[in-house]
Amino acid sequence: MTERESVDDDPFGDEPSGSVALDQVAEGIVLAVSGALDLALAPALRRTVERAARLRPALLVLDLTEVTFLASSGMAELVRTHRQLGGEIPVRVVATGRLVLRPLELTRLTDELAIHATLADALASG
């Protein structure tokens, strides 16, 4: 099952600026985020995380491999998700590349969040 929520803040209407897709997999739920994870997309991520939490998965993975920009509002949602669900549902983040991983390193969120280089690694690590 895949559900997708898109945010369209492109003034020219060419394409959505970002989206969050919810995929149920055997290990739990994967939220694949694409585009700019900024003030426009952060509320969509929050709503999708809340929807995923109601499904009571064994694991929640936030896949940021298709994120093109990570703003402070996006990082705040990652922290909120980790702190809100981390006690009952393990939360893992897939992040690679300078555009996403570097802001997480500079803010020391790599110390708080469970960061993985690949989706397969995030799903497999126990």
N, C-alpha and C. Protein backbone atom coordinates (compact mmCIF):
# COMPACT_ATOMS: atom_id res chain seq x y z
N MET A 1 0.83 -1.17 0.00
CA MET A 1 0.00 0.00 0.00
C MET A 1 0.88 1.24 0.00
N THR A 2 0.64 2.15 -0.92
CA THR A 2 1.39 3.39 -1.00
C THR A 2 0.42 4.56 -1.01
N GLU A 3 0.63 5.50 -0.11
CA GLU A 3 -0.13 6.73 -0.09
C GLU A 3 0.87 7.85 -0.29
N ARG A 4 0.50 8.88 -1.05
CA ARG A 4 1.41 9.98 -1.30
C ARG A 4 0.71 11.30 -1.02
N GLU A 5 1.41 12.18 -0.30
CA GLU A 5 0.91 13.53 -0.05
C GLU A 5 1.92 14.50 -0.65
N SER A 6 1.44 15.38 -1.53
CA SER A 6 2.32 16.33 -2.21
C SER A 6 2.02 17.75 -1.76
N VAL A 7 3.03 18.59 -1.88
CA VAL A 7 2.90 20.01 -1.59
C VAL A 7 3.29 20.75 -2.84
N ASP A 8 2.42 21.66 -3.29
CA ASP A 8 2.68 22.42 -4.50
C ASP A 8 2.83 23.88 -4.14
N ASP A 9 4.08 24.36 -4.06
CA ASP A 9 4.28 25.78 -3.82
C ASP A 9 5.04 26.42 -4.97
N ASP A 10 5.03 25.77 -6.12
CA ASP A 10 5.67 26.27 -7.32
C ASP A 10 4.75 27.30 -7.97
N PRO A 11 5.16 28.58 -8.04
CA PRO A 11 4.27 29.60 -8.58
C PRO A 11 3.91 29.37 -10.05
N PHE A 12 4.70 28.59 -10.75
CA PHE A 12 4.43 28.33 -12.16
C PHE A 12 3.61 27.06 -12.36
N GLY A 13 3.40 26.31 -11.27
CA GLY A 13 2.57 25.11 -11.34
C GLY A 13 3.18 23.98 -12.14
N ASP A 14 4.50 24.01 -12.32
CA ASP A 14 5.15 22.97 -13.12
C ASP A 14 5.10 21.60 -12.45
N GLU A 15 5.49 21.56 -11.19
CA GLU A 15 5.47 20.29 -10.46
C GLU A 15 5.49 20.57 -8.97
N PRO A 16 5.04 19.60 -8.17
CA PRO A 16 5.06 19.80 -6.72
C PRO A 16 6.49 19.98 -6.22
N SER A 17 6.64 20.77 -5.15
CA SER A 17 7.97 21.00 -4.61
C SER A 17 8.46 19.82 -3.78
N GLY A 18 7.55 18.98 -3.34
CA GLY A 18 7.96 17.84 -2.54
C GLY A 18 6.79 16.95 -2.23
N SER A 19 7.10 15.75 -1.76
CA SER A 19 6.04 14.81 -1.40
C SER A 19 6.54 13.84 -0.33
N VAL A 20 5.57 13.22 0.32
CA VAL A 20 5.84 12.19 1.31
C VAL A 20 4.99 10.99 0.93
N ALA A 21 5.63 9.85 0.70
CA ALA A 21 4.91 8.62 0.35
C ALA A 21 5.01 7.64 1.51
N LEU A 22 3.89 7.04 1.87
CA LEU A 22 3.84 6.04 2.93
C LEU A 22 3.76 4.67 2.29
N ASP A 23 4.76 3.83 2.58
CA ASP A 23 4.80 2.47 2.05
C ASP A 23 4.85 1.49 3.21
N GLN A 24 3.92 0.54 3.22
CA GLN A 24 3.98 -0.53 4.22
C GLN A 24 4.84 -1.65 3.65
N VAL A 25 5.83 -2.06 4.43
CA VAL A 25 6.71 -3.16 4.07
C VAL A 25 6.67 -4.18 5.20
N ALA A 26 7.28 -5.33 4.98
CA ALA A 26 7.24 -6.40 5.98
C ALA A 26 7.82 -5.95 7.33
N GLU A 27 8.86 -5.11 7.31
CA GLU A 27 9.53 -4.69 8.54
C GLU A 27 8.79 -3.56 9.28
N GLY A 28 7.93 -2.84 8.57
CA GLY A 28 7.22 -1.72 9.19
C GLY A 28 6.71 -0.76 8.13
N ILE A 29 6.96 0.52 8.34
CA ILE A 29 6.51 1.55 7.40
C ILE A 29 7.69 2.41 6.99
N VAL A 30 7.75 2.71 5.69
CA VAL A 30 8.76 3.60 5.14
C VAL A 30 8.05 4.85 4.65
N LEU A 31 8.52 6.00 5.11
CA LEU A 31 8.05 7.28 4.60
C LEU A 31 9.14 7.83 3.69
N ALA A 32 8.89 7.82 2.38
CA ALA A 32 9.86 8.31 1.41
C ALA A 32 9.57 9.78 1.13
N VAL A 33 10.50 10.63 1.52
CA VAL A 33 10.34 12.07 1.35
C VAL A 33 11.16 12.49 0.13
N SER A 34 10.55 13.34 -0.72
CA SER A 34 11.28 13.83 -1.89
C SER A 34 11.08 15.33 -2.01
N GLY A 35 12.06 15.98 -2.64
CA GLY A 35 12.00 17.42 -2.82
C GLY A 35 12.57 18.16 -1.63
N ALA A 36 12.16 19.41 -1.47
CA ALA A 36 12.66 20.26 -0.39
C ALA A 36 11.87 19.99 0.88
N LEU A 37 12.56 19.52 1.91
CA LEU A 37 11.91 19.31 3.21
C LEU A 37 12.05 20.62 3.99
N ASP A 38 11.11 21.50 3.72
CA ASP A 38 11.15 22.85 4.27
C ASP A 38 9.82 23.18 4.94
N LEU A 39 9.58 24.45 5.16
CA LEU A 39 8.37 24.89 5.84
C LEU A 39 7.10 24.47 5.11
N ALA A 40 7.16 24.35 3.80
CA ALA A 40 5.99 23.94 3.02
C ALA A 40 5.69 22.45 3.17
N LEU A 41 6.72 21.61 3.22
CA LEU A 41 6.53 20.16 3.25
C LEU A 41 6.47 19.59 4.67
N ALA A 42 7.03 20.30 5.65
CA ALA A 42 7.07 19.78 7.02
C ALA A 42 5.69 19.40 7.57
N PRO A 43 4.64 20.19 7.35
CA PRO A 43 3.32 19.78 7.85
C PRO A 43 2.81 18.49 7.20
N ALA A 44 3.12 18.28 5.94
CA ALA A 44 2.72 17.03 5.27
C ALA A 44 3.46 15.86 5.88
N LEU A 45 4.73 16.05 6.21
CA LEU A 45 5.49 14.98 6.87
C LEU A 45 4.87 14.68 8.23
N ARG A 46 4.51 15.71 8.98
CA ARG A 46 3.90 15.50 10.31
C ARG A 46 2.61 14.71 10.19
N ARG A 47 1.74 15.09 9.25
CA ARG A 47 0.47 14.38 9.07
C ARG A 47 0.70 12.92 8.67
N THR A 48 1.68 12.68 7.82
CA THR A 48 1.95 11.32 7.37
C THR A 48 2.56 10.48 8.49
N VAL A 49 3.41 11.08 9.31
CA VAL A 49 3.97 10.38 10.48
C VAL A 49 2.83 10.01 11.43
N GLU A 50 1.90 10.93 11.66
CA GLU A 50 0.77 10.64 12.55
C GLU A 50 -0.08 9.51 11.99
N ARG A 51 -0.30 9.51 10.68
CA ARG A 51 -1.06 8.43 10.03
C ARG A 51 -0.32 7.10 10.19
N ALA A 52 0.99 7.12 9.99
CA ALA A 52 1.79 5.91 10.13
C ALA A 52 1.76 5.40 11.58
N ALA A 53 1.84 6.30 12.55
CA ALA A 53 1.84 5.89 13.96
C ALA A 53 0.53 5.21 14.34
N ARG A 54 -0.57 5.66 13.75
CA ARG A 54 -1.87 5.02 14.05
C ARG A 54 -1.92 3.57 13.55
N LEU A 55 -1.06 3.22 12.59
CA LEU A 55 -1.00 1.84 12.08
C LEU A 55 -0.18 0.93 12.99
N ARG A 56 0.48 1.52 14.00
CA ARG A 56 1.29 0.78 14.97
C ARG A 56 2.33 -0.14 14.33
N PRO A 57 3.21 0.40 13.49
CA PRO A 57 4.22 -0.44 12.85
C PRO A 57 5.29 -0.87 13.84
N ALA A 58 5.99 -1.92 13.49
CA ALA A 58 7.11 -2.39 14.31
C ALA A 58 8.31 -1.46 14.15
N LEU A 59 8.36 -0.71 13.05
CA LEU A 59 9.49 0.15 12.72
C LEU A 59 9.00 1.26 11.81
N LEU A 60 9.54 2.48 11.97
CA LEU A 60 9.25 3.60 11.08
C LEU A 60 10.57 4.11 10.52
N VAL A 61 10.67 4.11 9.20
CA VAL A 61 11.88 4.60 8.53
C VAL A 61 11.52 5.85 7.73
N LEU A 62 12.27 6.92 7.96
CA LEU A 62 12.13 8.15 7.20
C LEU A 62 13.24 8.17 6.16
N ASP A 63 12.88 7.92 4.91
CA ASP A 63 13.86 7.82 3.83
C ASP A 63 14.02 9.19 3.17
N LEU A 64 15.18 9.82 3.38
CA LEU A 64 15.44 11.16 2.86
C LEU A 64 16.36 11.15 1.65
N THR A 65 16.52 10.01 1.00
CA THR A 65 17.47 9.93 -0.11
C THR A 65 17.08 10.81 -1.29
N GLU A 66 15.81 11.14 -1.44
CA GLU A 66 15.36 11.99 -2.55
C GLU A 66 15.12 13.43 -2.13
N VAL A 67 15.56 13.80 -0.91
CA VAL A 67 15.40 15.17 -0.44
C VAL A 67 16.48 16.04 -1.08
N THR A 68 16.07 17.18 -1.62
CA THR A 68 16.98 18.09 -2.31
C THR A 68 17.41 19.27 -1.45
N PHE A 69 16.73 19.50 -0.34
CA PHE A 69 17.06 20.59 0.58
C PHE A 69 16.47 20.25 1.93
N LEU A 70 17.26 20.42 2.99
CA LEU A 70 16.79 20.13 4.35
C LEU A 70 16.84 21.41 5.17
N ALA A 71 15.69 21.99 5.43
CA ALA A 71 15.60 23.22 6.20
C ALA A 71 15.45 22.91 7.69
N SER A 72 15.56 23.94 8.51
CA SER A 72 15.44 23.74 9.96
C SER A 72 14.06 23.20 10.33
N SER A 73 13.03 23.59 9.60
CA SER A 73 11.68 23.08 9.89
C SER A 73 11.61 21.57 9.61
N GLY A 74 12.31 21.11 8.60
CA GLY A 74 12.37 19.68 8.31
C GLY A 74 13.13 18.93 9.40
N MET A 75 14.23 19.52 9.85
CA MET A 75 14.99 18.88 10.93
C MET A 75 14.17 18.84 12.21
N ALA A 76 13.40 19.89 12.45
CA ALA A 76 12.54 19.91 13.64
C ALA A 76 11.52 18.78 13.59
N GLU A 77 10.99 18.48 12.42
CA GLU A 77 10.04 17.36 12.29
C GLU A 77 10.71 16.02 12.53
N LEU A 78 11.95 15.88 12.09
CA LEU A 78 12.69 14.64 12.35
C LEU A 78 12.86 14.43 13.86
N VAL A 79 13.25 15.49 14.55
CA VAL A 79 13.44 15.40 16.00
C VAL A 79 12.11 15.14 16.69
N ARG A 80 11.06 15.85 16.29
CA ARG A 80 9.74 15.65 16.89
C ARG A 80 9.28 14.20 16.73
N THR A 81 9.46 13.65 15.54
CA THR A 81 9.07 12.26 15.28
C THR A 81 9.86 11.32 16.17
N HIS A 82 11.17 11.52 16.24
CA HIS A 82 12.03 10.66 17.06
C HIS A 82 11.62 10.72 18.54
N ARG A 83 11.39 11.92 19.04
CA ARG A 83 11.07 12.07 20.47
C ARG A 83 9.66 11.60 20.78
N GLN A 84 8.74 11.80 19.86
CA GLN A 84 7.35 11.41 20.11
C GLN A 84 7.15 9.91 20.01
N LEU A 85 7.77 9.28 19.01
CA LEU A 85 7.52 7.86 18.76
C LEU A 85 8.63 6.95 19.22
N GLY A 86 9.83 7.47 19.41
CA GLY A 86 11.00 6.65 19.69
C GLY A 86 10.86 5.69 20.85
N GLY A 87 10.05 6.02 21.83
CA GLY A 87 9.87 5.13 22.97
C GLY A 87 9.06 3.90 22.65
N GLU A 88 8.12 4.02 21.72
CA GLU A 88 7.25 2.88 21.41
C GLU A 88 7.49 2.29 20.02
N ILE A 89 7.90 3.12 19.07
CA ILE A 89 8.17 2.66 17.70
C ILE A 89 9.58 3.10 17.34
N PRO A 90 10.49 2.17 17.02
CA PRO A 90 11.83 2.58 16.60
C PRO A 90 11.74 3.46 15.34
N VAL A 91 12.48 4.57 15.36
CA VAL A 91 12.51 5.49 14.22
C VAL A 91 13.93 5.53 13.68
N ARG A 92 14.05 5.30 12.38
CA ARG A 92 15.36 5.36 11.71
C ARG A 92 15.27 6.32 10.54
N VAL A 93 16.39 6.97 10.24
CA VAL A 93 16.46 7.94 9.16
C VAL A 93 17.50 7.49 8.15
N VAL A 94 17.13 7.51 6.87
CA VAL A 94 18.08 7.22 5.80
C VAL A 94 18.51 8.56 5.21
N ALA A 95 19.79 8.87 5.32
CA ALA A 95 20.32 10.14 4.83
C ALA A 95 21.71 9.95 4.26
N THR A 96 21.90 10.46 3.05
CA THR A 96 23.21 10.42 2.41
C THR A 96 23.43 11.74 1.69
N GLY A 97 24.65 12.01 1.35
CA GLY A 97 24.97 13.19 0.56
C GLY A 97 25.05 14.46 1.39
N ARG A 98 25.76 15.43 0.86
CA ARG A 98 26.00 16.68 1.57
C ARG A 98 24.74 17.49 1.84
N LEU A 99 23.78 17.46 0.92
CA LEU A 99 22.59 18.29 1.06
C LEU A 99 21.75 17.93 2.28
N VAL A 100 21.77 16.68 2.66
CA VAL A 100 20.95 16.24 3.79
C VAL A 100 21.81 15.88 5.00
N LEU A 101 22.84 15.13 4.78
CA LEU A 101 23.64 14.64 5.90
C LEU A 101 24.43 15.76 6.57
N ARG A 102 24.95 16.70 5.81
CA ARG A 102 25.76 17.77 6.39
C ARG A 102 24.99 18.63 7.40
N PRO A 103 23.75 19.09 7.08
CA PRO A 103 23.00 19.84 8.10
C PRO A 103 22.75 19.03 9.38
N LEU A 104 22.52 17.73 9.22
CA LEU A 104 22.31 16.87 10.39
C LEU A 104 23.59 16.77 11.23
N GLU A 105 24.74 16.72 10.55
CA GLU A 105 26.02 16.67 11.26
C GLU A 105 26.31 17.99 11.96
N LEU A 106 26.08 19.10 11.27
CA LEU A 106 26.38 20.42 11.84
C LEU A 106 25.53 20.72 13.07
N THR A 107 24.31 20.24 13.08
CA THR A 107 23.42 20.46 14.22
C THR A 107 23.53 19.35 15.27
N ARG A 108 24.42 18.41 15.03
CA ARG A 108 24.66 17.27 15.91
C ARG A 108 23.45 16.37 16.07
N LEU A 109 22.53 16.42 15.12
CA LEU A 109 21.37 15.53 15.16
C LEU A 109 21.77 14.10 14.85
N THR A 110 22.95 13.91 14.27
CA THR A 110 23.44 12.55 14.05
C THR A 110 23.70 11.85 15.37
N ASP A 111 23.87 12.62 16.45
CA ASP A 111 24.05 12.03 17.78
C ASP A 111 22.73 11.55 18.37
N GLU A 112 21.63 12.17 17.96
CA GLU A 112 20.31 11.84 18.53
C GLU A 112 19.52 10.87 17.65
N LEU A 113 19.61 11.06 16.34
CA LEU A 113 18.82 10.25 15.41
C LEU A 113 19.60 9.01 14.96
N ALA A 114 18.88 7.94 14.68
CA ALA A 114 19.50 6.72 14.13
C ALA A 114 19.60 6.90 12.63
N ILE A 115 20.80 7.29 12.15
CA ILE A 115 21.02 7.59 10.74
C ILE A 115 21.63 6.37 10.05
N HIS A 116 21.10 6.04 8.87
CA HIS A 116 21.61 4.91 8.07
C HIS A 116 21.88 5.39 6.66
N ALA A 117 22.83 4.74 6.00
CA ALA A 117 23.24 5.15 4.65
C ALA A 117 22.29 4.64 3.57
N THR A 118 21.61 3.51 3.84
CA THR A 118 20.71 2.94 2.83
C THR A 118 19.41 2.50 3.49
N LEU A 119 18.39 2.39 2.68
CA LEU A 119 17.11 1.90 3.17
C LEU A 119 17.24 0.46 3.64
N ALA A 120 17.97 -0.35 2.88
CA ALA A 120 18.16 -1.76 3.27
C ALA A 120 18.82 -1.87 4.65
N ASP A 121 19.80 -1.02 4.91
CA ASP A 121 20.49 -1.02 6.20
C ASP A 121 19.53 -0.62 7.32
N ALA A 122 18.71 0.40 7.07
CA ALA A 122 17.77 0.87 8.08
C ALA A 122 16.73 -0.20 8.41
N LEU A 123 16.28 -0.92 7.39
CA LEU A 123 15.30 -1.97 7.60
C LEU A 123 15.88 -3.19 8.28
N ALA A 124 17.16 -3.47 8.01
CA ALA A 124 17.79 -4.68 8.53
C ALA A 124 18.35 -4.53 9.94
N SER A 125 18.81 -3.33 10.30
CA SER A 125 19.45 -3.18 11.60
C SER A 125 18.43 -3.33 12.72
N GLY A 126 18.82 -4.01 13.73
CA GLY A 126 17.89 -4.29 14.81
C GLY A 126 18.39 -3.79 16.07
